Amino acid sequence: MTQAKKAILEVQWHGKKEKVCIEVQHNPKEFSLEKGVQLAEINIPGLDAPLQQFIRGQAEKLTIELFFDTTENGMGDDAVSVTKKTDEVYQLVKVESSSHAPPIVNFIWNKHFSGDTLSAACSSNQLRHSFKGVVESVKQNYTLFSPEGVPLRATINLVLREFRTLEEQMAELKLNSPDRTHSHVLQTGQDLSRIANTYYDSPADWRAIADEPGNGIEDPRRLQPGSVFTVPAIVTRFSA
């Protein structure tokens, strides 16, 4: 009989190159995925129903229940606390002192994960073989104890919230169409020429971004990382 493949939680602690793999003791019986979008209703007099305006996508959530048991070591003096296993998962919601944020966690079980059969050309942002996120919540429930009060059995309800960087999402969604207006968050090391090359495929068109009134750029050579700039559409640039 083939042994079942164990699911793992692959943890990337900030500031560490190597990832830590936490193997679940028992594979989950089920897990759920939840994804939504935020819409705004535009009311127009005379229409039967308001128009639906897409605002943004909402973070996807993975909810999973994990079971842990250490009764194989007995319930007497040799009893082993189940917290030796559960604490590895519970710590994933703790904020790291160096990054001021929890670690990145990747839930991996099998390459045939929800989204693995989607077309890369049409749904690249949902094409995946695992779920990467940060722990939103973790709830421990201890259900069995030794006569001395040592916890021996527990379940953990774990909720992961989707995590993808700005660069990853921009690359996946290909939101650099030059005939649309975009918002861009300036990254360290970027200048207007690089932004123009990303959206216009022409670094020489950086002045269109510099001249956009809402950007408030006085000196293109002195830009602060984290600033949000409007990248005007091509039709806007040539309408004057």
C-alpha atoms as a PDB file:
ATOM      1  CA  MET A   1       0.000   0.000   0.000  1.00  0.00           C
ATOM      2  CA  THR A   2       1.392   3.389  -1.008  1.00  0.00           C
ATOM      3  CA  GLN A   3       2.010   5.728   1.910  1.00  0.00           C
ATOM      4  CA  ALA A   4      -0.009   8.939   1.753  1.00  0.00           C
ATOM      5  CA  LYS A   5       1.931  12.061   0.824  1.00  0.00           C
ATOM      6  CA  LYS A   6       2.105  14.404   3.808  1.00  0.00           C
ATOM      7  CA  ALA A   7       1.095  18.026   3.468  1.00  0.00           C
ATOM      8  CA  ILE A   8       3.660  20.561   4.651  1.00  0.00           C
ATOM      9  CA  LEU A   9       3.782  24.184   5.716  1.00  0.00           C
ATOM     10  CA  GLU A  10       6.827  25.767   4.099  1.00  0.00           C
ATOM     11  CA  VAL A  11       7.847  28.762   6.200  1.00  0.00           C
ATOM     12  CA  GLN A  12       9.995  31.652   4.980  1.00  0.00           C
ATOM     13  CA  TRP A  13      11.224  33.585   7.991  1.00  0.00           C
ATOM     14  CA  HIS A  14      12.274  37.134   7.159  1.00  0.00           C
ATOM     15  CA  GLY A  15      16.019  37.590   6.899  1.00  0.00           C
ATOM     16  CA  LYS A  16      16.711  33.864   6.481  1.00  0.00           C
ATOM     17  CA  LYS A  17      17.617  32.270   3.161  1.00  0.00           C
ATOM     18  CA  GLU A  18      16.608  28.724   4.043  1.00  0.00           C
ATOM     19  CA  LYS A  19      12.953  27.789   4.360  1.00  0.00           C
ATOM     20  CA  VAL A  20      11.645  25.664   7.229  1.00  0.00           C
ATOM     21  CA  CYS A  21       9.249  22.818   6.418  1.00  0.00           C
ATOM     22  CA  ILE A  22       6.673  21.785   9.005  1.00  0.00           C
ATOM     23  CA  GLU A  23       5.137  18.415   8.125  1.00  0.00           C
ATOM     24  CA  VAL A  24       1.577  17.979   9.369  1.00  0.00           C
ATOM     25  CA  GLN A  25       1.099  14.901  11.539  1.00  0.00           C
ATOM     26  CA  HIS A  26      -2.169  13.880   9.878  1.00  0.00           C
ATOM     27  CA  ASN A  27      -3.365  15.130   6.509  1.00  0.00           C
ATOM     28  CA  PRO A  28      -6.498  17.298   6.708  1.00  0.00           C
ATOM     29  CA  LYS A  29      -9.846  15.745   5.848  1.00  0.00           C
ATOM     30  CA  GLU A  30     -10.860  18.924   4.068  1.00  0.00           C
ATOM     31  CA  PHE A  31      -9.911  22.555   3.496  1.00  0.00           C
ATOM     32  CA  SER A  32     -11.722  25.512   2.003  1.00  0.00           C
ATOM     33  CA  LEU A  33     -10.741  28.373  -0.305  1.00  0.00           C
ATOM     34  CA  GLU A  34     -12.566  31.703  -0.379  1.00  0.00           C
ATOM     35  CA  LYS A  35     -12.068  34.509  -2.906  1.00  0.00           C
ATOM     36  CA  GLY A  36     -14.125  37.618  -3.595  1.00  0.00           C
ATOM     37  CA  VAL A  37     -14.055  41.038  -5.228  1.00  0.00           C
ATOM     38  CA  GLN A  38     -15.176  44.461  -4.061  1.00  0.00           C
ATOM     39  CA  LEU A  39     -17.851  46.053  -6.233  1.00  0.00           C
ATOM     40  CA  ALA A  40     -19.548  49.435  -6.153  1.00  0.00           C
ATOM     41  CA  GLU A  41     -23.068  50.040  -7.406  1.00  0.00           C
ATOM     42  CA  ILE A  42     -23.592  52.968  -9.758  1.00  0.00           C
ATOM     43  CA  ASN A  43     -27.201  54.118  -9.652  1.00  0.00           C
ATOM     44  CA  ILE A  44     -28.495  55.579 -12.918  1.00  0.00           C
ATOM     45  CA  PRO A  45     -32.094  56.872 -12.997  1.00  0.00           C
ATOM     46  CA  GLY A  46     -34.373  54.862 -15.249  1.00  0.00           C
ATOM     47  CA  LEU A  47     -32.355  51.627 -15.251  1.00  0.00           C
ATOM     48  CA  ASP A  48     -33.819  48.410 -13.904  1.00  0.00           C
ATOM     49  CA  ALA A  49     -30.696  47.678 -11.838  1.00  0.00           C
ATOM     50  CA  PRO A  50     -27.576  49.625 -10.849  1.00  0.00           C
ATOM     51  CA  LEU A  51     -24.373  49.137 -12.796  1.00  0.00           C
ATOM     52  CA  GLN A  52     -21.653  47.112 -11.119  1.00  0.00           C
ATOM     53  CA  GLN A  53     -18.248  48.790 -11.010  1.00  0.00           C
ATOM     54  CA  PHE A  54     -15.252  46.613 -10.174  1.00  0.00           C
ATOM     55  CA  ILE A  55     -13.088  48.246  -7.492  1.00  0.00           C
ATOM     56  CA  ARG A  56     -10.468  45.639  -6.589  1.00  0.00           C
ATOM     57  CA  GLY A  57      -9.965  42.005  -5.783  1.00  0.00           C
ATOM     58  CA  GLN A  58     -10.023  40.777  -2.206  1.00  0.00           C
ATOM     59  CA  ALA A  59      -7.411  38.524  -0.652  1.00  0.00           C
ATOM     60  CA  GLU A  60      -8.072  34.822  -1.005  1.00  0.00           C
ATOM     61  CA  LYS A  61      -8.312  32.766   2.182  1.00  0.00           C
ATOM     62  CA  LEU A  62      -7.383  29.171   2.914  1.00  0.00           C
ATOM     63  CA  THR A  63      -9.055  27.633   5.973  1.00  0.00           C
ATOM     64  CA  ILE A  64      -7.793  24.296   7.194  1.00  0.00           C
ATOM     65  CA  GLU A  65      -8.118  22.073  10.269  1.00  0.00           C
ATOM     66  CA  LEU A  66      -5.096  20.062  11.416  1.00  0.00           C
ATOM     67  CA  PHE A  67      -5.134  17.174  13.899  1.00  0.00           C
ATOM     68  CA  PHE A  68      -2.310  16.280  16.294  1.00  0.00           C
ATOM     69  CA  ASP A  69      -1.960  13.344  18.698  1.00  0.00           C
ATOM     70  CA  THR A  70       0.853  12.029  20.911  1.00  0.00           C
ATOM     71  CA  THR A  71      -0.980   9.194  22.698  1.00  0.00           C
ATOM     72  CA  GLU A  72       1.298   6.641  21.017  1.00  0.00           C
ATOM     73  CA  ASN A  73       3.802   7.509  23.746  1.00  0.00           C
ATOM     74  CA  GLY A  74       1.285   6.526  26.427  1.00  0.00           C
ATOM     75  CA  MET A  75      -0.743   8.522  28.932  1.00  0.00           C
ATOM     76  CA  GLY A  76       1.344   7.871  32.047  1.00  0.00           C
ATOM     77  CA  ASP A  77       4.685   9.181  33.205  1.00  0.00           C
ATOM     78  CA  ASP A  78       6.094   8.884  29.668  1.00  0.00           C
ATOM     79  CA  ALA A  79       3.346  11.011  28.141  1.00  0.00           C
ATOM     80  CA  VAL A  80       4.593  13.560  25.590  1.00  0.00           C
ATOM     81  CA  SER A  81       2.802  16.883  25.348  1.00  0.00           C
ATOM     82  CA  VAL A  82       1.132  17.477  22.001  1.00  0.00           C
ATOM     83  CA  THR A  83       2.287  21.104  22.252  1.00  0.00           C
ATOM     84  CA  LYS A  84       5.663  19.962  20.908  1.00  0.00           C
ATOM     85  CA  LYS A  85       3.882  19.604  17.570  1.00  0.00           C
ATOM     86  CA  THR A  86       1.231  22.292  17.788  1.00  0.00           C
ATOM     87  CA  ASP A  87       3.602  25.062  18.902  1.00  0.00           C
ATOM     88  CA  GLU A  88       5.370  24.836  15.529  1.00  0.00           C
ATOM     89  CA  VAL A  89       2.152  25.915  13.832  1.00  0.00           C
ATOM     90  CA  TYR A  90       0.955  28.317  16.512  1.00  0.00           C
ATOM     91  CA  GLN A  91       4.155  30.375  16.262  1.00  0.00           C
ATOM     92  CA  LEU A  92       3.395  31.231  12.630  1.00  0.00           C
ATOM     93  CA  VAL A  93       1.032  33.991  13.719  1.00  0.00           C
ATOM     94  CA  LYS A  94       3.692  35.650  15.884  1.00  0.00           C
ATOM     95  CA  VAL A  95       5.234  38.913  14.696  1.00  0.00           C
ATOM     96  CA  GLU A  96       8.967  38.730  14.026  1.00  0.00           C
ATOM     97  CA  SER A  97      11.066  41.362  15.796  1.00  0.00           C
ATOM     98  CA  SER A  98      13.168  42.145  12.723  1.00  0.00           C
ATOM     99  CA  SER A  99      10.417  42.485  10.112  1.00  0.00           C
ATOM    100  CA  HIS A 100       7.517  43.507  12.382  1.00  0.00           C
ATOM    101  CA  ALA A 101       5.350  40.986  10.514  1.00  0.00           C
ATOM    102  CA  PRO A 102       4.560  37.250  10.584  1.00  0.00           C
ATOM    103  CA  PRO A 103       6.489  34.941   8.230  1.00  0.00           C
ATOM    104  CA  ILE A 104       5.341  33.923   4.755  1.00  0.00           C
ATOM    105  CA  VAL A 105       3.777  30.445   4.733  1.00  0.00           C
ATOM    106  CA  ASN A 106       3.270  28.165   1.748  1.00  0.00           C
ATOM    107  CA  PHE A 107       0.791  25.285   2.094  1.00  0.00           C
ATOM    108  CA  ILE A 108       1.969  22.422  -0.134  1.00  0.00           C
ATOM    109  CA  TRP A 109       0.364  19.018  -0.506  1.00  0.00           C
ATOM    110  CA  ASN A 110       0.298  17.939  -4.119  1.00  0.00           C
ATOM    111  CA  LYS A 111       1.010  19.658  -7.421  1.00  0.00           C
ATOM    112  CA  HIS A 112      -2.654  19.171  -8.356  1.00  0.00           C
ATOM    113  CA  PHE A 113      -3.801  22.101  -6.257  1.00  0.00           C
ATOM    114  CA  SER A 114      -6.820  24.261  -7.035  1.00  0.00           C
ATOM    115  CA  GLY A 115      -5.819  26.397 -10.026  1.00  0.00           C
ATOM    116  CA  ASP A 116      -3.160  24.094 -11.508  1.00  0.00           C
ATOM    117  CA  THR A 117      -5.243  23.308 -14.631  1.00  0.00           C
ATOM    118  CA  LEU A 118      -5.993  26.927 -15.575  1.00  0.00           C
ATOM    119  CA  SER A 119      -4.583  28.412 -18.747  1.00  0.00           C
ATOM    120  CA  ALA A 120      -1.510  30.528 -18.092  1.00  0.00           C
ATOM    121  CA  ALA A 121      -2.500  32.840 -20.946  1.00  0.00           C
ATOM    122  CA  CYS A 122      -5.943  33.629 -19.502  1.00  0.00           C
ATOM    123  CA  SER A 123      -5.595  33.170 -15.738  1.00  0.00           C
ATOM    124  CA  SER A 124      -1.937  33.556 -14.847  1.00  0.00           C
ATOM    125  CA  ASN A 125      -2.796  35.152 -11.501  1.00  0.00           C
ATOM    126  CA  GLN A 126      -4.670  32.006 -10.399  1.00  0.00           C
ATOM    127  CA  LEU A 127      -2.333  29.407 -11.904  1.00  0.00           C
ATOM    128  CA  ARG A 128      -0.595  27.726  -8.975  1.00  0.00           C
ATOM    129  CA  HIS A 129       0.363  24.457  -7.315  1.00  0.00           C
ATOM    130  CA  SER A 130       0.216  25.581  -3.668  1.00  0.00           C
ATOM    131  CA  PHE A 131      -1.156  28.385  -1.510  1.00  0.00           C
ATOM    132  CA  LYS A 132       1.138  31.170  -0.306  1.00  0.00           C
ATOM    133  CA  GLY A 133       0.001  33.534   2.414  1.00  0.00           C
ATOM    134  CA  VAL A 134       0.384  34.858   5.914  1.00  0.00           C
ATOM    135  CA  VAL A 135      -1.396  33.425   8.931  1.00  0.00           C
ATOM    136  CA  GLU A 136      -4.474  35.508   9.684  1.00  0.00           C
ATOM    137  CA  SER A 137      -5.612  33.444  12.651  1.00  0.00           C
ATOM    138  CA  VAL A 138      -4.845  30.209  14.457  1.00  0.00           C
ATOM    139  CA  LYS A 139      -7.069  28.524  17.049  1.00  0.00           C
ATOM    140  CA  GLN A 140      -5.938  25.612  19.197  1.00  0.00           C
ATOM    141  CA  ASN A 141      -8.402  23.198  20.778  1.00  0.00           C
ATOM    142  CA  TYR A 142      -7.063  20.578  23.221  1.00  0.00           C
ATOM    143  CA  THR A 143      -9.348  17.552  23.526  1.00  0.00           C
ATOM    144  CA  LEU A 144      -7.454  14.909  25.547  1.00  0.00           C
ATOM    145  CA  PHE A 145      -5.199  15.076  28.620  1.00  0.00           C
ATOM    146  CA  SER A 146      -3.177  12.640  30.703  1.00  0.00           C
ATOM    147  CA  PRO A 147      -4.116  12.121  34.382  1.00  0.00           C
ATOM    148  CA  GLU A 148      -1.433  14.697  35.220  1.00  0.00           C
ATOM    149  CA  GLY A 149      -2.955  17.241  32.856  1.00  0.00           C
ATOM    150  CA  VAL A 150      -0.502  16.884  29.969  1.00  0.00           C
ATOM    151  CA  PRO A 151      -2.297  17.783  26.703  1.00  0.00           C
ATOM    152  CA  LEU A 152      -2.134  14.787  24.346  1.00  0.00           C
ATOM    153  CA  ARG A 153      -4.534  15.559  21.520  1.00  0.00           C
ATOM    154  CA  ALA A 154      -5.426  18.784  19.752  1.00  0.00           C
ATOM    155  CA  THR A 155      -6.882  20.348  16.632  1.00  0.00           C
ATOM    156  CA  ILE A 156      -5.691  23.583  15.062  1.00  0.00           C
ATOM    157  CA  ASN A 157      -7.919  25.756  12.891  1.00  0.00           C
ATOM    158  CA  LEU A 158      -5.602  27.711  10.607  1.00  0.00           C
ATOM    159  CA  VAL A 159      -6.522  30.579   8.291  1.00  0.00           C
ATOM    160  CA  LEU A 160      -4.025  31.795   5.693  1.00  0.00           C
ATOM    161  CA  ARG A 161      -4.572  35.061   3.846  1.00  0.00           C
ATOM    162  CA  GLU A 162      -3.171  35.300   0.320  1.00  0.00           C
ATOM    163  CA  PHE A 163       0.194  37.029  -0.030  1.00  0.00           C
ATOM    164  CA  ARG A 164       1.617  38.323  -3.319  1.00  0.00           C
ATOM    165  CA  THR A 165       3.987  41.246  -3.798  1.00  0.00           C
ATOM    166  CA  LEU A 166       3.189  44.238  -5.982  1.00  0.00           C
ATOM    167  CA  GLU A 167       5.746  43.083  -8.545  1.00  0.00           C
ATOM    168  CA  GLU A 168       4.215  39.595  -8.707  1.00  0.00           C
ATOM    169  CA  GLN A 169       0.707  40.929  -9.224  1.00  0.00           C
ATOM    170  CA  MET A 170       1.758  43.426 -11.873  1.00  0.00           C
ATOM    171  CA  ALA A 171       3.573  40.684 -13.776  1.00  0.00           C
ATOM    172  CA  GLU A 172       0.673  38.241 -13.493  1.00  0.00           C
ATOM    173  CA  LEU A 173      -2.112  40.651 -14.456  1.00  0.00           C
ATOM    174  CA  LYS A 174      -0.056  42.451 -17.115  1.00  0.00           C
ATOM    175  CA  LEU A 175      -1.591  45.771 -16.076  1.00  0.00           C
ATOM    176  CA  ASN A 176       0.800  47.849 -18.202  1.00  0.00           C
ATOM    177  CA  SER A 177      -1.478  48.556 -21.161  1.00  0.00           C
ATOM    178  CA  PRO A 178      -0.421  52.020 -22.434  1.00  0.00           C
ATOM    179  CA  ASP A 179      -3.964  53.070 -23.362  1.00  0.00           C
ATOM    180  CA  ARG A 180      -5.124  53.044 -19.737  1.00  0.00           C
ATOM    181  CA  THR A 181      -4.302  55.155 -16.728  1.00  0.00           C
ATOM    182  CA  HIS A 182      -2.409  53.341 -13.972  1.00  0.00           C
ATOM    183  CA  SER A 183      -1.238  53.897 -10.424  1.00  0.00           C
ATOM    184  CA  HIS A 184       2.359  53.008  -9.643  1.00  0.00           C
ATOM    185  CA  VAL A 185       4.091  52.704  -6.275  1.00  0.00           C
ATOM    186  CA  LEU A 186       7.704  53.833  -6.610  1.00  0.00           C
ATOM    187  CA  GLN A 187      10.185  51.171  -5.538  1.00  0.00           C
ATOM    188  CA  THR A 188      13.723  51.753  -4.291  1.00  0.00           C
ATOM    189  CA  GLY A 189      16.072  52.288  -7.229  1.00  0.00           C
ATOM    190  CA  GLN A 190      13.340  53.218  -9.698  1.00  0.00           C
ATOM    191  CA  ASP A 191      13.144  56.467 -11.612  1.00  0.00           C
ATOM    192  CA  LEU A 192      10.612  57.909 -14.059  1.00  0.00           C
ATOM    193  CA  SER A 193      12.437  56.455 -17.054  1.00  0.00           C
ATOM    194  CA  ARG A 194      12.033  52.941 -15.713  1.00  0.00           C
ATOM    195  CA  ILE A 195       8.357  53.530 -14.973  1.00  0.00           C
ATOM    196  CA  ALA A 196       7.818  54.894 -18.490  1.00  0.00           C
ATOM    197  CA  ASN A 197       9.559  51.884 -19.972  1.00  0.00           C
ATOM    198  CA  THR A 198       7.277  49.558 -17.959  1.00  0.00           C
ATOM    199  CA  TYR A 199       4.009  51.135 -19.092  1.00  0.00           C
ATOM    200  CA  TYR A 200       4.876  52.799 -22.406  1.00  0.00           C
ATOM    201  CA  ASP A 201       7.734  50.572 -23.543  1.00  0.00           C
ATOM    202  CA  SER A 202       9.610  53.841 -24.018  1.00  0.00           C
ATOM    203  CA  PRO A 203      11.844  55.297 -21.268  1.00  0.00           C
ATOM    204  CA  ALA A 204      12.025  58.568 -23.204  1.00  0.00           C
ATOM    205  CA  ASP A 205       8.359  59.273 -22.376  1.00  0.00           C
ATOM    206  CA  TRP A 206       9.069  59.809 -18.667  1.00  0.00           C
ATOM    207  CA  ARG A 207       8.023  63.477 -18.891  1.00  0.00           C
ATOM    208  CA  ALA A 208       4.355  62.485 -19.316  1.00  0.00           C
ATOM    209  CA  ILE A 209       4.477  61.139 -15.751  1.00  0.00           C
ATOM    210  CA  ALA A 210       6.466  64.107 -14.457  1.00  0.00           C
ATOM    211  CA  ASP A 211       3.963  66.576 -15.979  1.00  0.00           C
ATOM    212  CA  GLU A 212       0.879  64.809 -14.609  1.00  0.00           C
ATOM    213  CA  PRO A 213      -0.581  67.494 -12.258  1.00  0.00           C
ATOM    214  CA  GLY A 214      -1.712  65.082  -9.571  1.00  0.00           C
ATOM    215  CA  ASN A 215       1.761  63.617  -9.121  1.00  0.00           C
ATOM    216  CA  GLY A 216       3.193  66.852  -7.731  1.00  0.00           C
ATOM    217  CA  ILE A 217       6.705  66.111  -9.023  1.00  0.00           C
ATOM    218  CA  GLU A 218       8.939  69.175  -8.642  1.00  0.00           C
ATOM    219  CA  ASP A 219      12.302  67.480  -9.165  1.00  0.00           C
ATOM    220  CA  PRO A 220      12.285  64.156 -11.115  1.00  0.00           C
ATOM    221  CA  ARG A 221      15.738  63.390  -9.709  1.00  0.00           C
ATOM    222  CA  ARG A 222      14.495  63.418  -6.115  1.00  0.00           C
ATOM    223  CA  LEU A 223      11.723  60.891  -5.700  1.00  0.00           C
ATOM    224  CA  GLN A 224      10.742  59.136  -2.485  1.00  0.00           C
ATOM    225  CA  PRO A 225      10.251  55.337  -2.550  1.00  0.00           C
ATOM    226  CA  GLY A 226       6.670  54.503  -1.639  1.00  0.00           C
ATOM    227  CA  SER A 227       5.247  57.507  -3.511  1.00  0.00           C
ATOM    228  CA  VAL A 228       2.169  56.717  -5.597  1.00  0.00           C
ATOM    229  CA  PHE A 229       2.220  58.192  -9.110  1.00  0.00           C
ATOM    230  CA  THR A 230      -0.473  58.330 -11.768  1.00  0.00           C
ATOM    231  CA  VAL A 231       0.761  57.030 -15.120  1.00  0.00           C
ATOM    232  CA  PRO A 232      -1.462  58.726 -17.729  1.00  0.00           C
ATOM    233  CA  ALA A 233      -2.750  56.864 -20.742  1.00  0.00           C
ATOM    234  CA  ILE A 234      -1.170  57.403 -24.156  1.00  0.00           C
ATOM    235  CA  VAL A 235      -4.319  59.067 -25.451  1.00  0.00           C
ATOM    236  CA  THR A 236      -4.043  61.577 -22.591  1.00  0.00           C
ATOM    237  CA  ARG A 237      -0.475  62.392 -23.497  1.00  0.00           C
ATOM    238  CA  PHE A 238      -1.327  63.334 -27.079  1.00  0.00           C
ATOM    239  CA  SER A 239      -4.653  65.060 -26.464  1.00  0.00           C
ATOM    240  CA  ALA A 240      -3.212  68.526 -25.786  1.00  0.00           C
END
